[in-house]
Amino acid sequence: MVDGRVVAGSHYRSHGELQVSPEIPPEVRVYAEQMAAVWSPSAVFVLDVAQSQGRLCVIEINGFNSSGFYASNIQDIVEAVSEVATHPKPSDPHFVA
């Protein structure tokens, strides 16, 4: 998550089995952005979402620098994070002058 939006992601497990894929279902992307609008620990973070019993849920929130990227598009991540790092928004509650 960068500034409340999904910039990249990766499917990494299905039914307990490792299943790495860069595909993110549209409903997961929408759900993640809705959850980030409710609360974000930082301008950049990782949000793990799962489907359980037919509904989406947040599994965990992690720091950007301590998470695996799996099949995520690294170039998209670097570009989005670099933009935040080089052009912070004073309106961002995480902005430090």
PDB file of N, CA and C in Angstrom:
ATOM      1  N   MET A   1       0.844  -1.159   0.000  1.00  0.00           N
ATOM      2  CA  MET A   1       0.000   0.000   0.000  1.00  0.00           C
ATOM      3  C   MET A   1       0.901   1.239   0.000  1.00  0.00           C
ATOM      4  N   VAL A   2       0.597   2.175  -0.890  1.00  0.00           N
ATOM      5  CA  VAL A   2       1.315   3.443  -0.941  1.00  0.00           C
ATOM      6  C   VAL A   2       0.278   4.543  -1.062  1.00  0.00           C
ATOM      7  N   ASP A   3       0.261   5.413  -0.067  1.00  0.00           N
ATOM      8  CA  ASP A   3      -0.721   6.507  -0.040  1.00  0.00           C
ATOM      9  C   ASP A   3      -2.147   5.993  -0.221  1.00  0.00           C
ATOM     10  N   GLY A   4      -2.463   4.875   0.408  1.00  0.00           N
ATOM     11  CA  GLY A   4      -3.823   4.341   0.401  1.00  0.00           C
ATOM     12  C   GLY A   4      -4.225   3.547  -0.822  1.00  0.00           C
ATOM     13  N   ARG A   5      -3.282   3.283  -1.708  1.00  0.00           N
ATOM     14  CA  ARG A   5      -3.642   2.525  -2.899  1.00  0.00           C
ATOM     15  C   ARG A   5      -2.739   1.308  -3.066  1.00  0.00           C
ATOM     16  N   VAL A   6      -3.302   0.295  -3.667  1.00  0.00           N
ATOM     17  CA  VAL A   6      -2.537  -0.912  -3.973  1.00  0.00           C
ATOM     18  C   VAL A   6      -1.670  -0.604  -5.185  1.00  0.00           C
ATOM     19  N   VAL A   7      -0.361  -0.732  -5.032  1.00  0.00           N
ATOM     20  CA  VAL A   7       0.534  -0.484  -6.170  1.00  0.00           C
ATOM     21  C   VAL A   7       1.074  -1.787  -6.749  1.00  0.00           C
ATOM     22  N   ALA A   8       1.037  -2.850  -5.973  1.00  0.00           N
ATOM     23  CA  ALA A   8       1.475  -4.170  -6.431  1.00  0.00           C
ATOM     24  C   ALA A   8       0.980  -5.191  -5.419  1.00  0.00           C
ATOM     25  N   GLY A   9       1.058  -6.434  -5.800  1.00  0.00           N
ATOM     26  CA  GLY A   9       0.635  -7.469  -4.869  1.00  0.00           C
ATOM     27  C   GLY A   9       0.922  -8.841  -5.424  1.00  0.00           C
ATOM     28  N   SER A  10       0.657  -9.814  -4.594  1.00  0.00           N
ATOM     29  CA  SER A  10       0.939 -11.187  -4.992  1.00  0.00           C
ATOM     30  C   SER A  10       0.047 -12.145  -4.232  1.00  0.00           C
ATOM     31  N   HIS A  11      -0.524 -13.058  -4.953  1.00  0.00           N
ATOM     32  CA  HIS A  11      -1.196 -14.205  -4.342  1.00  0.00           C
ATOM     33  C   HIS A  11      -0.078 -15.139  -3.915  1.00  0.00           C
ATOM     34  N   TYR A  12      -0.144 -15.674  -2.701  1.00  0.00           N
ATOM     35  CA  TYR A  12       0.946 -16.575  -2.316  1.00  0.00           C
ATOM     36  C   TYR A  12       0.517 -17.876  -1.657  1.00  0.00           C
ATOM     37  N   ARG A  13      -0.744 -18.028  -1.346  1.00  0.00           N
ATOM     38  CA  ARG A  13      -1.167 -19.286  -0.744  1.00  0.00           C
ATOM     39  C   ARG A  13      -2.633 -19.544  -1.068  1.00  0.00           C
ATOM     40  N   SER A  14      -2.943 -20.815  -1.306  1.00  0.00           N
ATOM     41  CA  SER A  14      -4.321 -21.212  -1.546  1.00  0.00           C
ATOM     42  C   SER A  14      -4.546 -22.564  -0.891  1.00  0.00           C
ATOM     43  N   HIS A  15      -5.519 -22.615  -0.011  1.00  0.00           N
ATOM     44  CA  HIS A  15      -5.859 -23.847   0.706  1.00  0.00           C
ATOM     45  C   HIS A  15      -4.640 -24.442   1.414  1.00  0.00           C
ATOM     46  N   GLY A  16      -3.812 -23.566   1.999  1.00  0.00           N
ATOM     47  CA  GLY A  16      -2.653 -24.012   2.751  1.00  0.00           C
ATOM     48  C   GLY A  16      -1.430 -24.369   1.927  1.00  0.00           C
ATOM     49  N   GLU A  17      -1.536 -24.300   0.623  1.00  0.00           N
ATOM     50  CA  GLU A  17      -0.427 -24.650  -0.266  1.00  0.00           C
ATOM     51  C   GLU A  17       0.162 -23.391  -0.894  1.00  0.00           C
ATOM     52  N   LEU A  18       1.483 -23.361  -1.012  1.00  0.00           N
ATOM     53  CA  LEU A  18       2.153 -22.252  -1.668  1.00  0.00           C
ATOM     54  C   LEU A  18       1.707 -22.185  -3.125  1.00  0.00           C
ATOM     55  N   GLN A  19       1.240 -21.013  -3.538  1.00  0.00           N
ATOM     56  CA  GLN A  19       0.743 -20.817  -4.904  1.00  0.00           C
ATOM     57  C   GLN A  19       1.000 -19.362  -5.269  1.00  0.00           C
ATOM     58  N   VAL A  20       2.220 -19.069  -5.674  1.00  0.00           N
ATOM     59  CA  VAL A  20       2.647 -17.698  -5.934  1.00  0.00           C
ATOM     60  C   VAL A  20       2.211 -17.261  -7.328  1.00  0.00           C
ATOM     61  N   SER A  21       1.595 -16.076  -7.392  1.00  0.00           N
ATOM     62  CA  SER A  21       1.106 -15.534  -8.657  1.00  0.00           C
ATOM     63  C   SER A  21       0.977 -14.015  -8.514  1.00  0.00           C
ATOM     64  N   PRO A  22       1.281 -13.251  -9.567  1.00  0.00           N
ATOM     65  CA  PRO A  22       1.127 -11.798  -9.482  1.00  0.00           C
ATOM     66  C   PRO A  22      -0.328 -11.318  -9.612  1.00  0.00           C
ATOM     67  N   GLU A  23      -1.246 -12.244  -9.802  1.00  0.00           N
ATOM     68  CA  GLU A  23      -2.651 -11.866  -9.987  1.00  0.00           C
ATOM     69  C   GLU A  23      -3.284 -11.425  -8.665  1.00  0.00           C
ATOM     70  N   ILE A  24      -3.978 -10.286  -8.714  1.00  0.00           N
ATOM     71  CA  ILE A  24      -4.741  -9.796  -7.573  1.00  0.00           C
ATOM     72  C   ILE A  24      -6.175  -9.612  -8.044  1.00  0.00           C
ATOM     73  N   PRO A  25      -7.123 -10.368  -7.509  1.00  0.00           N
ATOM     74  CA  PRO A  25      -8.510 -10.188  -7.924  1.00  0.00           C
ATOM     75  C   PRO A  25      -8.977  -8.750  -7.659  1.00  0.00           C
ATOM     76  N   PRO A  26      -9.758  -8.189  -8.554  1.00  0.00           N
ATOM     77  CA  PRO A  26     -10.217  -6.807  -8.380  1.00  0.00           C
ATOM     78  C   PRO A  26     -10.890  -6.569  -7.030  1.00  0.00           C
ATOM     79  N   GLU A  27     -11.664  -7.537  -6.545  1.00  0.00           N
ATOM     80  CA  GLU A  27     -12.353  -7.333  -5.265  1.00  0.00           C
ATOM     81  C   GLU A  27     -11.375  -7.268  -4.093  1.00  0.00           C
ATOM     82  N   VAL A  28     -10.227  -7.921  -4.216  1.00  0.00           N
ATOM     83  CA  VAL A  28      -9.199  -7.845  -3.172  1.00  0.00           C
ATOM     84  C   VAL A  28      -8.550  -6.470  -3.187  1.00  0.00           C
ATOM     85  N   ARG A  29      -8.276  -5.963  -4.374  1.00  0.00           N
ATOM     86  CA  ARG A  29      -7.692  -4.621  -4.511  1.00  0.00           C
ATOM     87  C   ARG A  29      -8.637  -3.569  -3.912  1.00  0.00           C
ATOM     88  N   VAL A  30      -9.904  -3.646  -4.235  1.00  0.00           N
ATOM     89  CA  VAL A  30     -10.891  -2.696  -3.709  1.00  0.00           C
ATOM     90  C   VAL A  30     -10.972  -2.798  -2.185  1.00  0.00           C
ATOM     91  N   TYR A  31     -11.046  -4.013  -1.680  1.00  0.00           N
ATOM     92  CA  TYR A  31     -11.130  -4.231  -0.230  1.00  0.00           C
ATOM     93  C   TYR A  31      -9.900  -3.660   0.477  1.00  0.00           C
ATOM     94  N   ALA A  32      -8.714  -3.922  -0.049  1.00  0.00           N
ATOM     95  CA  ALA A  32      -7.478  -3.419   0.564  1.00  0.00           C
ATOM     96  C   ALA A  32      -7.480  -1.897   0.625  1.00  0.00           C
ATOM     97  N   GLU A  33      -7.909  -1.257  -0.431  1.00  0.00           N
ATOM     98  CA  GLU A  33      -7.948   0.201  -0.441  1.00  0.00           C
ATOM     99  C   GLU A  33      -9.011   0.741   0.508  1.00  0.00           C
ATOM    100  N   GLN A  34     -10.121   0.047   0.644  1.00  0.00           N
ATOM    101  CA  GLN A  34     -11.138   0.443   1.624  1.00  0.00           C
ATOM    102  C   GLN A  34     -10.591   0.341   3.044  1.00  0.00           C
ATOM    103  N   MET A  35      -9.872  -0.730   3.334  1.00  0.00           N
ATOM    104  CA  MET A  35      -9.302  -0.911   4.668  1.00  0.00           C
ATOM    105  C   MET A  35      -8.220   0.129   4.955  1.00  0.00           C
ATOM    106  N   ALA A  36      -7.424   0.459   3.952  1.00  0.00           N
ATOM    107  CA  ALA A  36      -6.395   1.489   4.116  1.00  0.00           C
ATOM    108  C   ALA A  36      -7.021   2.854   4.370  1.00  0.00           C
ATOM    109  N   ALA A  37      -8.209   3.087   3.836  1.00  0.00           N
ATOM    110  CA  ALA A  37      -8.901   4.355   4.079  1.00  0.00           C
ATOM    111  C   ALA A  37      -9.396   4.451   5.516  1.00  0.00           C
ATOM    112  N   VAL A  38      -9.643   3.304   6.143  1.00  0.00           N
ATOM    113  CA  VAL A  38     -10.082   3.284   7.543  1.00  0.00           C
ATOM    114  C   VAL A  38      -8.913   3.585   8.463  1.00  0.00           C
ATOM    115  N   TRP A  39      -7.763   2.942   8.200  1.00  0.00           N
ATOM    116  CA  TRP A  39      -6.576   3.162   9.037  1.00  0.00           C
ATOM    117  C   TRP A  39      -5.328   2.723   8.301  1.00  0.00           C
ATOM    118  N   SER A  40      -4.312   3.565   8.342  1.00  0.00           N
ATOM    119  CA  SER A  40      -3.010   3.253   7.753  1.00  0.00           C
ATOM    120  C   SER A  40      -1.927   3.592   8.770  1.00  0.00           C
ATOM    121  N   PRO A  41      -1.008   2.669   9.028  1.00  0.00           N
ATOM    122  CA  PRO A  41       0.047   2.949   9.995  1.00  0.00           C
ATOM    123  C   PRO A  41       1.133   3.864   9.444  1.00  0.00           C
ATOM    124  N   SER A  42       1.199   3.979   8.129  1.00  0.00           N
ATOM    125  CA  SER A  42       2.250   4.735   7.471  1.00  0.00           C
ATOM    126  C   SER A  42       1.817   5.014   6.039  1.00  0.00           C
ATOM    127  N   ALA A  43       2.546   5.874   5.369  1.00  0.00           N
ATOM    128  CA  ALA A  43       2.247   6.131   3.960  1.00  0.00           C
ATOM    129  C   ALA A  43       2.551   4.902   3.103  1.00  0.00           C
ATOM    130  N   VAL A  44       3.484   4.064   3.569  1.00  0.00           N
ATOM    131  CA  VAL A  44       3.884   2.854   2.846  1.00  0.00           C
ATOM    132  C   VAL A  44       3.842   1.683   3.825  1.00  0.00           C
ATOM    133  N   PHE A  45       3.088   0.652   3.499  1.00  0.00           N
ATOM    134  CA  PHE A  45       3.021  -0.536   4.339  1.00  0.00           C
ATOM    135  C   PHE A  45       2.480  -1.706   3.522  1.00  0.00           C
ATOM    136  N   VAL A  46       2.508  -2.879   4.129  1.00  0.00           N
ATOM    137  CA  VAL A  46       2.015  -4.085   3.466  1.00  0.00           C
ATOM    138  C   VAL A  46       0.767  -4.566   4.193  1.00  0.00           C
ATOM    139  N   LEU A  47      -0.261  -4.881   3.433  1.00  0.00           N
ATOM    140  CA  LEU A  47      -1.534  -5.335   3.970  1.00  0.00           C
ATOM    141  C   LEU A  47      -1.820  -6.723   3.407  1.00  0.00           C
ATOM    142  N   ASP A  48      -1.871  -7.712   4.292  1.00  0.00           N
ATOM    143  CA  ASP A  48      -2.188  -9.075   3.860  1.00  0.00           C
ATOM    144  C   ASP A  48      -3.688  -9.303   3.979  1.00  0.00           C
ATOM    145  N   VAL A  49      -4.292  -9.705   2.881  1.00  0.00           N
ATOM    146  CA  VAL A  49      -5.729  -9.943   2.816  1.00  0.00           C
ATOM    147  C   VAL A  49      -5.956 -11.406   2.448  1.00  0.00           C
ATOM    148  N   ALA A  50      -6.953 -12.009   3.066  1.00  0.00           N
ATOM    149  CA  ALA A  50      -7.302 -13.393   2.745  1.00  0.00           C
ATOM    150  C   ALA A  50      -8.809 -13.511   2.578  1.00  0.00           C
ATOM    151  N   GLN A  51      -9.198 -14.565   1.896  1.00  0.00           N
ATOM    152  CA  GLN A  51     -10.610 -14.904   1.833  1.00  0.00           C
ATOM    153  C   GLN A  51     -10.815 -16.097   2.754  1.00  0.00           C
ATOM    154  N   SER A  52     -11.738 -15.945   3.695  1.00  0.00           N
ATOM    155  CA  SER A  52     -12.029 -17.004   4.646  1.00  0.00           C
ATOM    156  C   SER A  52     -13.536 -17.095   4.830  1.00  0.00           C
ATOM    157  N   GLN A  53     -14.060 -18.279   4.717  1.00  0.00           N
ATOM    158  CA  GLN A  53     -15.498 -18.518   4.864  1.00  0.00           C
ATOM    159  C   GLN A  53     -16.312 -17.585   3.964  1.00  0.00           C
ATOM    160  N   GLY A  54     -15.793 -17.391   2.761  1.00  0.00           N
ATOM    161  CA  GLY A  54     -16.515 -16.620   1.763  1.00  0.00           C
ATOM    162  C   GLY A  54     -16.418 -15.109   1.881  1.00  0.00           C
ATOM    163  N   ARG A  55     -15.599 -14.603   2.807  1.00  0.00           N
ATOM    164  CA  ARG A  55     -15.468 -13.144   2.901  1.00  0.00           C
ATOM    165  C   ARG A  55     -14.012 -12.740   3.041  1.00  0.00           C
ATOM    166  N   LEU A  56     -13.735 -11.519   2.622  1.00  0.00           N
ATOM    167  CA  LEU A  56     -12.381 -10.996   2.703  1.00  0.00           C
ATOM    168  C   LEU A  56     -12.107 -10.476   4.101  1.00  0.00           C
ATOM    169  N   CYS A  57     -10.866 -10.617   4.540  1.00  0.00           N
ATOM    170  CA  CYS A  57     -10.482 -10.101   5.858  1.00  0.00           C
ATOM    171  C   CYS A  57      -8.998  -9.736   5.853  1.00  0.00           C
ATOM    172  N   VAL A  58      -8.647  -8.822   6.732  1.00  0.00           N
ATOM    173  CA  VAL A  58      -7.245  -8.446   6.908  1.00  0.00           C
ATOM    174  C   VAL A  58      -6.597  -9.487   7.803  1.00  0.00           C
ATOM    175  N   ILE A  59      -5.505 -10.056   7.333  1.00  0.00           N
ATOM    176  CA  ILE A  59      -4.755 -11.048   8.107  1.00  0.00           C
ATOM    177  C   ILE A  59      -3.710 -10.347   8.969  1.00  0.00           C
ATOM    178  N   GLU A  60      -2.951  -9.443   8.364  1.00  0.00           N
ATOM    179  CA  GLU A  60      -1.943  -8.695   9.117  1.00  0.00           C
ATOM    180  C   GLU A  60      -1.501  -7.479   8.323  1.00  0.00           C
ATOM    181  N   ILE A  61      -0.904  -6.558   9.054  1.00  0.00           N
ATOM    182  CA  ILE A  61      -0.310  -5.356   8.477  1.00  0.00           C
ATOM    183  C   ILE A  61       1.159  -5.385   8.859  1.00  0.00           C
ATOM    184  N   ASN A  62       2.020  -5.182   7.884  1.00  0.00           N
ATOM    185  CA  ASN A  62       3.458  -5.246   8.120  1.00  0.00           C
ATOM    186  C   ASN A  62       4.155  -4.002   7.596  1.00  0.00           C
ATOM    187  N   GLY A  63       5.340  -3.785   8.125  1.00  0.00           N
ATOM    188  CA  GLY A  63       6.190  -2.733   7.597  1.00  0.00           C
ATOM    189  C   GLY A  63       6.673  -3.105   6.209  1.00  0.00           C
ATOM    190  N   PHE A  64       6.847  -2.123   5.396  1.00  0.00           N
ATOM    191  CA  PHE A  64       7.297  -2.325   4.021  1.00  0.00           C
ATOM    192  C   PHE A  64       8.660  -3.015   3.965  1.00  0.00           C
ATOM    193  N   ASN A  65       9.534  -2.675   4.887  1.00  0.00           N
ATOM    194  CA  ASN A  65      10.902  -3.190   4.835  1.00  0.00           C
ATOM    195  C   ASN A  65      11.068  -4.574   5.466  1.00  0.00           C
ATOM    196  N   SER A  66       9.984  -5.176   5.934  1.00  0.00           N
ATOM    197  CA  SER A  66      10.121  -6.499   6.561  1.00  0.00           C
ATOM    198  C   SER A  66       9.164  -7.527   5.955  1.00  0.00           C
ATOM    199  N   SER A  67       8.809  -7.318   4.709  1.00  0.00           N
ATOM    200  CA  SER A  67       7.841  -8.202   4.060  1.00  0.00           C
ATOM    201  C   SER A  67       8.415  -8.819   2.786  1.00  0.00           C
ATOM    202  N   GLY A  68       7.930  -9.997   2.466  1.00  0.00           N
ATOM    203  CA  GLY A  68       8.327 -10.634   1.216  1.00  0.00           C
ATOM    204  C   GLY A  68       7.517 -10.079   0.059  1.00  0.00           C
ATOM    205  N   PHE A  69       8.134  -9.979  -1.099  1.00  0.00           N
ATOM    206  CA  PHE A  69       7.442  -9.423  -2.261  1.00  0.00           C
ATOM    207  C   PHE A  69       6.818 -10.509  -3.142  1.00  0.00           C
ATOM    208  N   TYR A  70       7.217 -11.760  -2.952  1.00  0.00           N
ATOM    209  CA  TYR A  70       6.679 -12.887  -3.713  1.00  0.00           C
ATOM    210  C   TYR A  70       6.676 -12.569  -5.210  1.00  0.00           C
ATOM    211  N   ALA A  71       5.515 -12.524  -5.847  1.00  0.00           N
ATOM    212  CA  ALA A  71       5.459 -12.269  -7.294  1.00  0.00           C
ATOM    213  C   ALA A  71       5.057 -10.830  -7.615  1.00  0.00           C
ATOM    214  N   SER A  72       5.155  -9.944  -6.637  1.00  0.00           N
ATOM    215  CA  SER A  72       4.787  -8.543  -6.865  1.00  0.00           C
ATOM    216  C   SER A  72       5.704  -7.897  -7.896  1.00  0.00           C
ATOM    217  N   ASN A  73       5.187  -6.903  -8.584  1.00  0.00           N
ATOM    218  CA  ASN A  73       5.970  -6.161  -9.568  1.00  0.00           C
ATOM    219  C   ASN A  73       6.882  -5.186  -8.812  1.00  0.00           C
ATOM    220  N   ILE A  74       8.151  -5.536  -8.706  1.00  0.00           N
ATOM    221  CA  ILE A  74       9.111  -4.744  -7.931  1.00  0.00           C
ATOM    222  C   ILE A  74       9.275  -3.348  -8.519  1.00  0.00           C
ATOM    223  N   GLN A  75       9.271  -3.222  -9.822  1.00  0.00           N
ATOM    224  CA  GLN A  75       9.430  -1.904 -10.439  1.00  0.00           C
ATOM    225  C   GLN A  75       8.283  -0.976 -10.027  1.00  0.00           C
ATOM    226  N   ASP A  76       7.064  -1.474 -10.011  1.00  0.00           N
ATOM    227  CA  ASP A  76       5.923  -0.648  -9.590  1.00  0.00           C
ATOM    228  C   ASP A  76       6.078  -0.215  -8.136  1.00  0.00           C
ATOM    229  N   ILE A  77       6.563  -1.117  -7.295  1.00  0.00           N
ATOM    230  CA  ILE A  77       6.772  -0.788  -5.878  1.00  0.00           C
ATOM    231  C   ILE A  77       7.832   0.295  -5.729  1.00  0.00           C
ATOM    232  N   VAL A  78       8.965   0.111  -6.378  1.00  0.00           N
ATOM    233  CA  VAL A  78      10.064   1.078  -6.281  1.00  0.00           C
ATOM    234  C   VAL A  78       9.622   2.453  -6.767  1.00  0.00           C
ATOM    235  N   GLU A  79       8.909   2.503  -7.882  1.00  0.00           N
ATOM    236  CA  GLU A  79       8.449   3.790  -8.411  1.00  0.00           C
ATOM    237  C   GLU A  79       7.496   4.483  -7.446  1.00  0.00           C
ATOM    238  N   ALA A  80       6.535   3.756  -6.898  1.00  0.00           N
ATOM    239  CA  ALA A  80       5.554   4.362  -5.995  1.00  0.00           C
ATOM    240  C   ALA A  80       6.191   4.808  -4.680  1.00  0.00           C
ATOM    241  N   VAL A  81       7.048   3.973  -4.118  1.00  0.00           N
ATOM    242  CA  VAL A  81       7.706   4.326  -2.857  1.00  0.00           C
ATOM    243  C   VAL A  81       8.675   5.484  -3.069  1.00  0.00           C
ATOM    244  N   SER A  82       9.376   5.500  -4.175  1.00  0.00           N
ATOM    245  CA  SER A  82      10.292   6.601  -4.481  1.00  0.00           C
ATOM    246  C   SER A  82       9.545   7.919  -4.605  1.00  0.00           C
ATOM    247  N   GLU A  83       8.363   7.876  -5.194  1.00  0.00           N
ATOM    248  CA  GLU A  83       7.548   9.093  -5.324  1.00  0.00           C
ATOM    249  C   GLU A  83       7.180   9.642  -3.946  1.00  0.00           C
ATOM    250  N   VAL A  84       6.768   8.772  -3.045  1.00  0.00           N
ATOM    251  CA  VAL A  84       6.415   9.204  -1.683  1.00  0.00           C
ATOM    252  C   VAL A  84       7.647   9.734  -0.955  1.00  0.00           C
ATOM    253  N   ALA A  85       8.773   9.061  -1.131  1.00  0.00           N
ATOM    254  CA  ALA A  85       9.999   9.459  -0.435  1.00  0.00           C
ATOM    255  C   ALA A  85      10.546  10.798  -0.929  1.00  0.00           C
ATOM    256  N   THR A  86      10.398  11.054  -2.214  1.00  0.00           N
ATOM    257  CA  THR A  86      10.965  12.281  -2.777  1.00  0.00           C
ATOM    258  C   THR A  86       9.977  13.436  -2.836  1.00  0.00           C
ATOM    259  N   HIS A  87       8.690  13.144  -2.700  1.00  0.00           N
ATOM    260  CA  HIS A  87       7.665  14.185  -2.751  1.00  0.00           C
ATOM    261  C   HIS A  87       6.620  13.976  -1.653  1.00  0.00           C
ATOM    262  N   PRO A  88       7.045  14.053  -0.383  1.00  0.00           N
ATOM    263  CA  PRO A  88       6.058  13.847   0.694  1.00  0.00           C
ATOM    264  C   PRO A  88       5.002  14.943   0.680  1.00  0.00           C
ATOM    265  N   LYS A  89       3.805  14.571   1.112  1.00  0.00           N
ATOM    266  CA  LYS A  89       2.691  15.520   1.143  1.00  0.00           C
ATOM    267  C   LYS A  89       2.520  16.068   2.563  1.00  0.00           C
ATOM    268  N   PRO A  90       2.620  17.376   2.756  1.00  0.00           N
ATOM    269  CA  PRO A  90       2.433  17.934   4.096  1.00  0.00           C
ATOM    270  C   PRO A  90       1.067  17.600   4.692  1.00  0.00           C
ATOM    271  N   SER A  91       0.066  17.293   3.847  1.00  0.00           N
ATOM    272  CA  SER A  91      -1.260  16.937   4.349  1.00  0.00           C
ATOM    273  C   SER A  91      -1.309  15.494   4.864  1.00  0.00           C
ATOM    274  N   ASP A  92      -0.278  14.707   4.554  1.00  0.00           N
ATOM    275  CA  ASP A  92      -0.217  13.315   5.007  1.00  0.00           C
ATOM    276  C   ASP A  92       0.018  13.298   6.514  1.00  0.00           C
ATOM    277  N   PRO A  93      -0.820  12.574   7.277  1.00  0.00           N
ATOM    278  CA  PRO A  93      -0.642  12.540   8.735  1.00  0.00           C
ATOM    279  C   PRO A  93       0.688  11.925   9.166  1.00  0.00           C
ATOM    280  N   HIS A  94       1.391  11.257   8.243  1.00  0.00           N
ATOM    281  CA  HIS A  94       2.683  10.653   8.558  1.00  0.00           C
ATOM    282  C   HIS A  94       3.845  11.564   8.180  1.00  0.00           C
ATOM    283  N   PHE A  95       3.551  12.726   7.617  1.00  0.00           N
ATOM    284  CA  PHE A  95       4.577  13.667   7.172  1.00  0.00           C
ATOM    285  C   PHE A  95       5.311  14.255   8.358  1.00  0.00           C
ATOM    286  N   VAL A  96       6.626  14.235   8.277  1.00  0.00           N
ATOM    287  CA  VAL A  96       7.466  14.856   9.304  1.00  0.00           C
ATOM    288  C   VAL A  96       8.339  15.880   8.619  1.00  0.00           C
ATOM    289  N   ALA A  97       8.247  17.115   9.058  1.00  0.00           N
ATOM    290  CA  ALA A  97       9.027  18.196   8.429  1.00  0.00           C
ATOM    291  C   ALA A  97      10.451  18.201   8.930  1.00  0.00           C
TER     292      ALA A  97
END
